[in-house]
Amino acid sequence: MKFSPAKREQTPVAKPPPEALHRVDGGGPWGPTQFDLPERDGSNTQAVVVVAVVGAIVLLVIAGLWALLYYQYN
């Protein structure tokens, strides 16, 4: 049995604002995203510190759970 593809109506797509043609910096036609905005001094030390601290906490939790299970079953 062969089915014919369904016909779709064309819908208008959102267009970027007219001033987007003049933008040169990153972020695409809709402007910069939160990841495209550098810090004022040009470094991302705060982001690096936050990621490092969260990673260390996750590793400590995993190690703690592993130690708890290890000593509970041995």
PDB file of N, CA and C in Angstrom:
ATOM      1  N   MET A   1       0.847  -1.160   0.000  1.00  0.00           N
ATOM      2  CA  MET A   1       0.000   0.000   0.000  1.00  0.00           C
ATOM      3  C   MET A   1       0.901   1.234   0.000  1.00  0.00           C
ATOM      4  N   LYS A   2       0.620   2.160  -0.855  1.00  0.00           N
ATOM      5  CA  LYS A   2       1.455   3.344  -0.987  1.00  0.00           C
ATOM      6  C   LYS A   2       0.651   4.575  -0.587  1.00  0.00           C
ATOM      7  N   PHE A   3       1.259   5.380   0.280  1.00  0.00           N
ATOM      8  CA  PHE A   3       0.601   6.589   0.749  1.00  0.00           C
ATOM      9  C   PHE A   3       1.236   7.794   0.068  1.00  0.00           C
ATOM     10  N   SER A   4       0.424   8.746  -0.285  1.00  0.00           N
ATOM     11  CA  SER A   4       0.968   9.983  -0.850  1.00  0.00           C
ATOM     12  C   SER A   4       1.318  10.928   0.304  1.00  0.00           C
ATOM     13  N   PRO A   5       2.398  11.685   0.165  1.00  0.00           N
ATOM     14  CA  PRO A   5       2.783  12.574   1.261  1.00  0.00           C
ATOM     15  C   PRO A   5       1.732  13.659   1.490  1.00  0.00           C
ATOM     16  N   ALA A   6       1.562  13.995   2.743  1.00  0.00           N
ATOM     17  CA  ALA A   6       0.581  15.020   3.094  1.00  0.00           C
ATOM     18  C   ALA A   6       1.065  16.384   2.621  1.00  0.00           C
ATOM     19  N   LYS A   7       0.146  17.179   2.151  1.00  0.00           N
ATOM     20  CA  LYS A   7       0.474  18.525   1.715  1.00  0.00           C
ATOM     21  C   LYS A   7       0.444  19.458   2.915  1.00  0.00           C
ATOM     22  N   ARG A   8       1.486  20.266   3.038  1.00  0.00           N
ATOM     23  CA  ARG A   8       1.537  21.223   4.136  1.00  0.00           C
ATOM     24  C   ARG A   8       1.386  22.634   3.607  1.00  0.00           C
ATOM     25  N   GLU A   9       0.710  23.439   4.393  1.00  0.00           N
ATOM     26  CA  GLU A   9       0.618  24.846   4.046  1.00  0.00           C
ATOM     27  C   GLU A   9       1.901  25.544   4.462  1.00  0.00           C
ATOM     28  N   GLN A  10       2.334  26.484   3.664  1.00  0.00           N
ATOM     29  CA  GLN A  10       3.532  27.228   4.027  1.00  0.00           C
ATOM     30  C   GLN A  10       3.169  28.244   5.101  1.00  0.00           C
ATOM     31  N   THR A  11       3.983  28.275   6.144  1.00  0.00           N
ATOM     32  CA  THR A  11       3.769  29.234   7.220  1.00  0.00           C
ATOM     33  C   THR A  11       4.919  30.227   7.229  1.00  0.00           C
ATOM     34  N   PRO A  12       4.645  31.455   7.563  1.00  0.00           N
ATOM     35  CA  PRO A  12       5.732  32.447   7.591  1.00  0.00           C
ATOM     36  C   PRO A  12       6.716  32.141   8.721  1.00  0.00           C
ATOM     37  N   VAL A  13       7.978  32.376   8.448  1.00  0.00           N
ATOM     38  CA  VAL A  13       9.031  32.143   9.427  1.00  0.00           C
ATOM     39  C   VAL A  13       9.433  33.486  10.019  1.00  0.00           C
ATOM     40  N   ALA A  14       9.744  33.490  11.300  1.00  0.00           N
ATOM     41  CA  ALA A  14      10.162  34.732  11.939  1.00  0.00           C
ATOM     42  C   ALA A  14      11.458  35.230  11.315  1.00  0.00           C
ATOM     43  N   LYS A  15      11.499  36.499  11.043  1.00  0.00           N
ATOM     44  CA  LYS A  15      12.686  37.090  10.442  1.00  0.00           C
ATOM     45  C   LYS A  15      13.408  37.930  11.480  1.00  0.00           C
ATOM     46  N   PRO A  16      14.729  38.000  11.397  1.00  0.00           N
ATOM     47  CA  PRO A  16      15.462  38.847  12.331  1.00  0.00           C
ATOM     48  C   PRO A  16      15.137  40.320  12.097  1.00  0.00           C
ATOM     49  N   PRO A  17      15.336  41.139  13.112  1.00  0.00           N
ATOM     50  CA  PRO A  17      15.044  42.557  12.944  1.00  0.00           C
ATOM     51  C   PRO A  17      15.952  43.184  11.892  1.00  0.00           C
ATOM     52  N   PRO A  18      15.540  44.299  11.281  1.00  0.00           N
ATOM     53  CA  PRO A  18      16.336  44.909  10.215  1.00  0.00           C
ATOM     54  C   PRO A  18      17.717  45.351  10.668  1.00  0.00           C
ATOM     55  N   GLU A  19      17.858  45.746  11.920  1.00  0.00           N
ATOM     56  CA  GLU A  19      19.176  46.198  12.388  1.00  0.00           C
ATOM     57  C   GLU A  19      20.161  45.052  12.531  1.00  0.00           C
ATOM     58  N   ALA A  20      19.687  43.811  12.401  1.00  0.00           N
ATOM     59  CA  ALA A  20      20.572  42.663  12.519  1.00  0.00           C
ATOM     60  C   ALA A  20      21.562  42.597  11.371  1.00  0.00           C
ATOM     61  N   LEU A  21      21.243  43.231  10.245  1.00  0.00           N
ATOM     62  CA  LEU A  21      22.153  43.209   9.106  1.00  0.00           C
ATOM     63  C   LEU A  21      23.441  43.963   9.398  1.00  0.00           C
ATOM     64  N   HIS A  22      23.401  44.882  10.349  1.00  0.00           N
ATOM     65  CA  HIS A  22      24.562  45.721  10.638  1.00  0.00           C
ATOM     66  C   HIS A  22      25.400  45.185  11.791  1.00  0.00           C
ATOM     67  N   ARG A  23      24.957  44.117  12.436  1.00  0.00           N
ATOM     68  CA  ARG A  23      25.705  43.574  13.568  1.00  0.00           C
ATOM     69  C   ARG A  23      26.916  42.802  13.070  1.00  0.00           C
ATOM     70  N   VAL A  24      28.040  43.002  13.746  1.00  0.00           N
ATOM     71  CA  VAL A  24      29.278  42.336  13.356  1.00  0.00           C
ATOM     72  C   VAL A  24      29.685  41.317  14.401  1.00  0.00           C
ATOM     73  N   ASP A  25      29.400  41.598  15.676  1.00  0.00           N
ATOM     74  CA  ASP A  25      29.832  40.715  16.762  1.00  0.00           C
ATOM     75  C   ASP A  25      29.048  39.420  16.750  1.00  0.00           C
ATOM     76  N   GLY A  26      29.483  38.473  17.588  1.00  0.00           N
ATOM     77  CA  GLY A  26      28.868  37.150  17.644  1.00  0.00           C
ATOM     78  C   GLY A  26      27.446  37.191  18.155  1.00  0.00           C
ATOM     79  N   GLY A  27      26.791  36.051  18.114  1.00  0.00           N
ATOM     80  CA  GLY A  27      25.443  35.936  18.619  1.00  0.00           C
ATOM     81  C   GLY A  27      24.413  35.718  17.550  1.00  0.00           C
ATOM     82  N   GLY A  28      24.767  35.869  16.322  1.00  0.00           N
ATOM     83  CA  GLY A  28      23.818  35.620  15.256  1.00  0.00           C
ATOM     84  C   GLY A  28      22.897  36.801  15.024  1.00  0.00           C
ATOM     85  N   PRO A  29      21.895  36.627  14.204  1.00  0.00           N
ATOM     86  CA  PRO A  29      21.030  37.742  13.827  1.00  0.00           C
ATOM     87  C   PRO A  29      20.159  38.266  14.964  1.00  0.00           C
ATOM     88  N   TRP A  30      19.956  37.459  16.006  1.00  0.00           N
ATOM     89  CA  TRP A  30      19.091  37.894  17.103  1.00  0.00           C
ATOM     90  C   TRP A  30      19.866  38.576  18.209  1.00  0.00           C
ATOM     91  N   GLY A  31      21.162  38.746  18.057  1.00  0.00           N
ATOM     92  CA  GLY A  31      21.948  39.437  19.072  1.00  0.00           C
ATOM     93  C   GLY A  31      22.756  38.459  19.901  1.00  0.00           C
ATOM     94  N   PRO A  32      23.540  38.968  20.823  1.00  0.00           N
ATOM     95  CA  PRO A  32      24.419  38.110  21.618  1.00  0.00           C
ATOM     96  C   PRO A  32      23.636  37.243  22.602  1.00  0.00           C
ATOM     97  N   THR A  33      24.161  36.068  22.869  1.00  0.00           N
ATOM     98  CA  THR A  33      23.588  35.201  23.890  1.00  0.00           C
ATOM     99  C   THR A  33      24.403  35.359  25.157  1.00  0.00           C
ATOM    100  N   GLN A  34      23.993  34.683  26.210  1.00  0.00           N
ATOM    101  CA  GLN A  34      24.715  34.812  27.470  1.00  0.00           C
ATOM    102  C   GLN A  34      26.136  34.272  27.363  1.00  0.00           C
ATOM    103  N   PHE A  35      26.391  33.396  26.404  1.00  0.00           N
ATOM    104  CA  PHE A  35      27.716  32.822  26.270  1.00  0.00           C
ATOM    105  C   PHE A  35      28.624  33.668  25.384  1.00  0.00           C
ATOM    106  N   ASP A  36      28.060  34.615  24.645  1.00  0.00           N
ATOM    107  CA  ASP A  36      28.847  35.455  23.761  1.00  0.00           C
ATOM    108  C   ASP A  36      29.359  36.711  24.441  1.00  0.00           C
ATOM    109  N   LEU A  37      28.889  36.981  25.633  1.00  0.00           N
ATOM    110  CA  LEU A  37      29.274  38.214  26.301  1.00  0.00           C
ATOM    111  C   LEU A  37      30.495  37.980  27.180  1.00  0.00           C
ATOM    112  N   PRO A  38      31.658  38.493  26.809  1.00  0.00           N
ATOM    113  CA  PRO A  38      32.844  38.315  27.652  1.00  0.00           C
ATOM    114  C   PRO A  38      32.787  39.230  28.865  1.00  0.00           C
ATOM    115  N   GLU A  39      33.562  38.883  29.874  1.00  0.00           N
ATOM    116  CA  GLU A  39      33.644  39.750  31.032  1.00  0.00           C
ATOM    117  C   GLU A  39      34.369  41.033  30.648  1.00  0.00           C
ATOM    118  N   ARG A  40      34.237  42.042  31.486  1.00  0.00           N
ATOM    119  CA  ARG A  40      34.809  43.346  31.169  1.00  0.00           C
ATOM    120  C   ARG A  40      36.325  43.305  31.066  1.00  0.00           C
ATOM    121  N   ASP A  41      36.958  42.481  31.897  1.00  0.00           N
ATOM    122  CA  ASP A  41      38.425  42.424  31.859  1.00  0.00           C
ATOM    123  C   ASP A  41      38.941  41.408  30.841  1.00  0.00           C
ATOM    124  N   GLY A  42      38.052  40.730  30.148  1.00  0.00           N
ATOM    125  CA  GLY A  42      38.466  39.813  29.094  1.00  0.00           C
ATOM    126  C   GLY A  42      38.756  38.399  29.563  1.00  0.00           C
ATOM    127  N   SER A  43      38.547  38.091  30.831  1.00  0.00           N
ATOM    128  CA  SER A  43      38.798  36.737  31.318  1.00  0.00           C
ATOM    129  C   SER A  43      37.504  36.143  31.865  1.00  0.00           C
ATOM    130  N   ASN A  44      37.471  34.850  31.950  1.00  0.00           N
ATOM    131  CA  ASN A  44      36.297  34.157  32.469  1.00  0.00           C
ATOM    132  C   ASN A  44      36.646  33.407  33.750  1.00  0.00           C
ATOM    133  N   THR A  45      37.374  34.054  34.640  1.00  0.00           N
ATOM    134  CA  THR A  45      37.826  33.369  35.850  1.00  0.00           C
ATOM    135  C   THR A  45      36.662  32.930  36.723  1.00  0.00           C
ATOM    136  N   GLN A  46      35.620  33.724  36.793  1.00  0.00           N
ATOM    137  CA  GLN A  46      34.487  33.344  37.638  1.00  0.00           C
ATOM    138  C   GLN A  46      33.821  32.078  37.113  1.00  0.00           C
ATOM    139  N   ALA A  47      33.649  31.980  35.821  1.00  0.00           N
ATOM    140  CA  ALA A  47      33.037  30.782  35.246  1.00  0.00           C
ATOM    141  C   ALA A  47      33.918  29.566  35.469  1.00  0.00           C
ATOM    142  N   VAL A  48      35.237  29.731  35.333  1.00  0.00           N
ATOM    143  CA  VAL A  48      36.156  28.617  35.540  1.00  0.00           C
ATOM    144  C   VAL A  48      36.112  28.158  36.991  1.00  0.00           C
ATOM    145  N   VAL A  49      36.078  29.102  37.924  1.00  0.00           N
ATOM    146  CA  VAL A  49      36.046  28.747  39.347  1.00  0.00           C
ATOM    147  C   VAL A  49      34.741  28.035  39.683  1.00  0.00           C
ATOM    148  N   VAL A  50      33.626  28.513  39.164  1.00  0.00           N
ATOM    149  CA  VAL A  50      32.335  27.879  39.453  1.00  0.00           C
ATOM    150  C   VAL A  50      32.310  26.450  38.927  1.00  0.00           C
ATOM    151  N   VAL A  51      32.778  26.242  37.704  1.00  0.00           N
ATOM    152  CA  VAL A  51      32.789  24.894  37.130  1.00  0.00           C
ATOM    153  C   VAL A  51      33.724  23.982  37.917  1.00  0.00           C
ATOM    154  N   ALA A  52      34.883  24.491  38.342  1.00  0.00           N
ATOM    155  CA  ALA A  52      35.827  23.683  39.115  1.00  0.00           C
ATOM    156  C   ALA A  52      35.244  23.303  40.476  1.00  0.00           C
ATOM    157  N   VAL A  53      34.586  24.236  41.131  1.00  0.00           N
ATOM    158  CA  VAL A  53      34.009  23.944  42.453  1.00  0.00           C
ATOM    159  C   VAL A  53      32.875  22.938  42.330  1.00  0.00           C
ATOM    160  N   VAL A  54      32.012  23.108  41.348  1.00  0.00           N
ATOM    161  CA  VAL A  54      30.911  22.153  41.164  1.00  0.00           C
ATOM    162  C   VAL A  54      31.456  20.766  40.825  1.00  0.00           C
ATOM    163  N   GLY A  55      32.486  20.712  39.980  1.00  0.00           N
ATOM    164  CA  GLY A  55      33.103  19.422  39.652  1.00  0.00           C
ATOM    165  C   GLY A  55      33.718  18.756  40.871  1.00  0.00           C
ATOM    166  N   ALA A  56      34.391  19.542  41.704  1.00  0.00           N
ATOM    167  CA  ALA A  56      35.000  18.977  42.914  1.00  0.00           C
ATOM    168  C   ALA A  56      33.932  18.452  43.867  1.00  0.00           C
ATOM    169  N   ILE A  57      32.829  19.172  43.995  1.00  0.00           N
ATOM    170  CA  ILE A  57      31.755  18.721  44.883  1.00  0.00           C
ATOM    171  C   ILE A  57      31.144  17.426  44.360  1.00  0.00           C
ATOM    172  N   VAL A  58      30.939  17.339  43.062  1.00  0.00           N
ATOM    173  CA  VAL A  58      30.382  16.116  42.473  1.00  0.00           C
ATOM    174  C   VAL A  58      31.325  14.937  42.703  1.00  0.00           C
ATOM    175  N   LEU A  59      32.623  15.152  42.505  1.00  0.00           N
ATOM    176  CA  LEU A  59      33.584  14.073  42.736  1.00  0.00           C
ATOM    177  C   LEU A  59      33.612  13.650  44.202  1.00  0.00           C
ATOM    178  N   LEU A  60      33.522  14.600  45.117  1.00  0.00           N
ATOM    179  CA  LEU A  60      33.498  14.255  46.542  1.00  0.00           C
ATOM    180  C   LEU A  60      32.236  13.460  46.905  1.00  0.00           C
ATOM    181  N   VAL A  61      31.121  13.829  46.329  1.00  0.00           N
ATOM    182  CA  VAL A  61      29.877  13.084  46.603  1.00  0.00           C
ATOM    183  C   VAL A  61      29.986  11.666  46.066  1.00  0.00           C
ATOM    184  N   ILE A  62      30.530  11.513  44.877  1.00  0.00           N
ATOM    185  CA  ILE A  62      30.692  10.167  44.303  1.00  0.00           C
ATOM    186  C   ILE A  62      31.653   9.340  45.149  1.00  0.00           C
ATOM    187  N   ALA A  63      32.765   9.942  45.563  1.00  0.00           N
ATOM    188  CA  ALA A  63      33.727   9.216  46.401  1.00  0.00           C
ATOM    189  C   ALA A  63      33.110   8.847  47.744  1.00  0.00           C
ATOM    190  N   GLY A  64      32.327   9.752  48.317  1.00  0.00           N
ATOM    191  CA  GLY A  64      31.667   9.459  49.595  1.00  0.00           C
ATOM    192  C   GLY A  64      30.661   8.332  49.474  1.00  0.00           C
ATOM    193  N   LEU A  65      29.880   8.346  48.423  1.00  0.00           N
ATOM    194  CA  LEU A  65      28.917   7.259  48.225  1.00  0.00           C
ATOM    195  C   LEU A  65      29.613   5.928  47.970  1.00  0.00           C
ATOM    196  N   TRP A  66      30.705   5.975  47.207  1.00  0.00           N
ATOM    197  CA  TRP A  66      31.452   4.744  46.958  1.00  0.00           C
ATOM    198  C   TRP A  66      32.027   4.196  48.273  1.00  0.00           C
ATOM    199  N   ALA A  67      32.610   5.066  49.107  1.00  0.00           N
ATOM    200  CA  ALA A  67      33.173   4.619  50.387  1.00  0.00           C
ATOM    201  C   ALA A  67      32.074   4.069  51.295  1.00  0.00           C
ATOM    202  N   LEU A  68      30.935   4.716  51.310  1.00  0.00           N
ATOM    203  CA  LEU A  68      29.829   4.244  52.142  1.00  0.00           C
ATOM    204  C   LEU A  68      29.387   2.852  51.706  1.00  0.00           C
ATOM    205  N   LEU A  69      29.219   2.648  50.415  1.00  0.00           N
ATOM    206  CA  LEU A  69      28.813   1.333  49.929  1.00  0.00           C
ATOM    207  C   LEU A  69      29.908   0.293  50.132  1.00  0.00           C
ATOM    208  N   TYR A  70      31.161   0.688  49.972  1.00  0.00           N
ATOM    209  CA  TYR A  70      32.277  -0.240  50.136  1.00  0.00           C
ATOM    210  C   TYR A  70      32.349  -0.770  51.571  1.00  0.00           C
ATOM    211  N   TYR A  71      32.230   0.138  52.555  1.00  0.00           N
ATOM    212  CA  TYR A  71      32.352  -0.300  53.944  1.00  0.00           C
ATOM    213  C   TYR A  71      31.056  -0.935  54.449  1.00  0.00           C
ATOM    214  N   GLN A  72      29.951  -0.654  53.816  1.00  0.00           N
ATOM    215  CA  GLN A  72      28.713  -1.261  54.260  1.00  0.00           C
ATOM    216  C   GLN A  72      28.632  -2.729  53.825  1.00  0.00           C
ATOM    217  N   TYR A  73      29.145  -3.053  52.665  1.00  0.00           N
ATOM    218  CA  TYR A  73      29.036  -4.418  52.145  1.00  0.00           C
ATOM    219  C   TYR A  73      30.295  -5.250  52.360  1.00  0.00           C
ATOM    220  N   ASN A  74      31.312  -4.698  53.013  1.00  0.00           N
ATOM    221  CA  ASN A  74      32.525  -5.487  53.309  1.00  0.00           C
ATOM    222  C   ASN A  74      32.730  -5.644  54.776  1.00  0.00           C
TER     223      ASN A  74
END
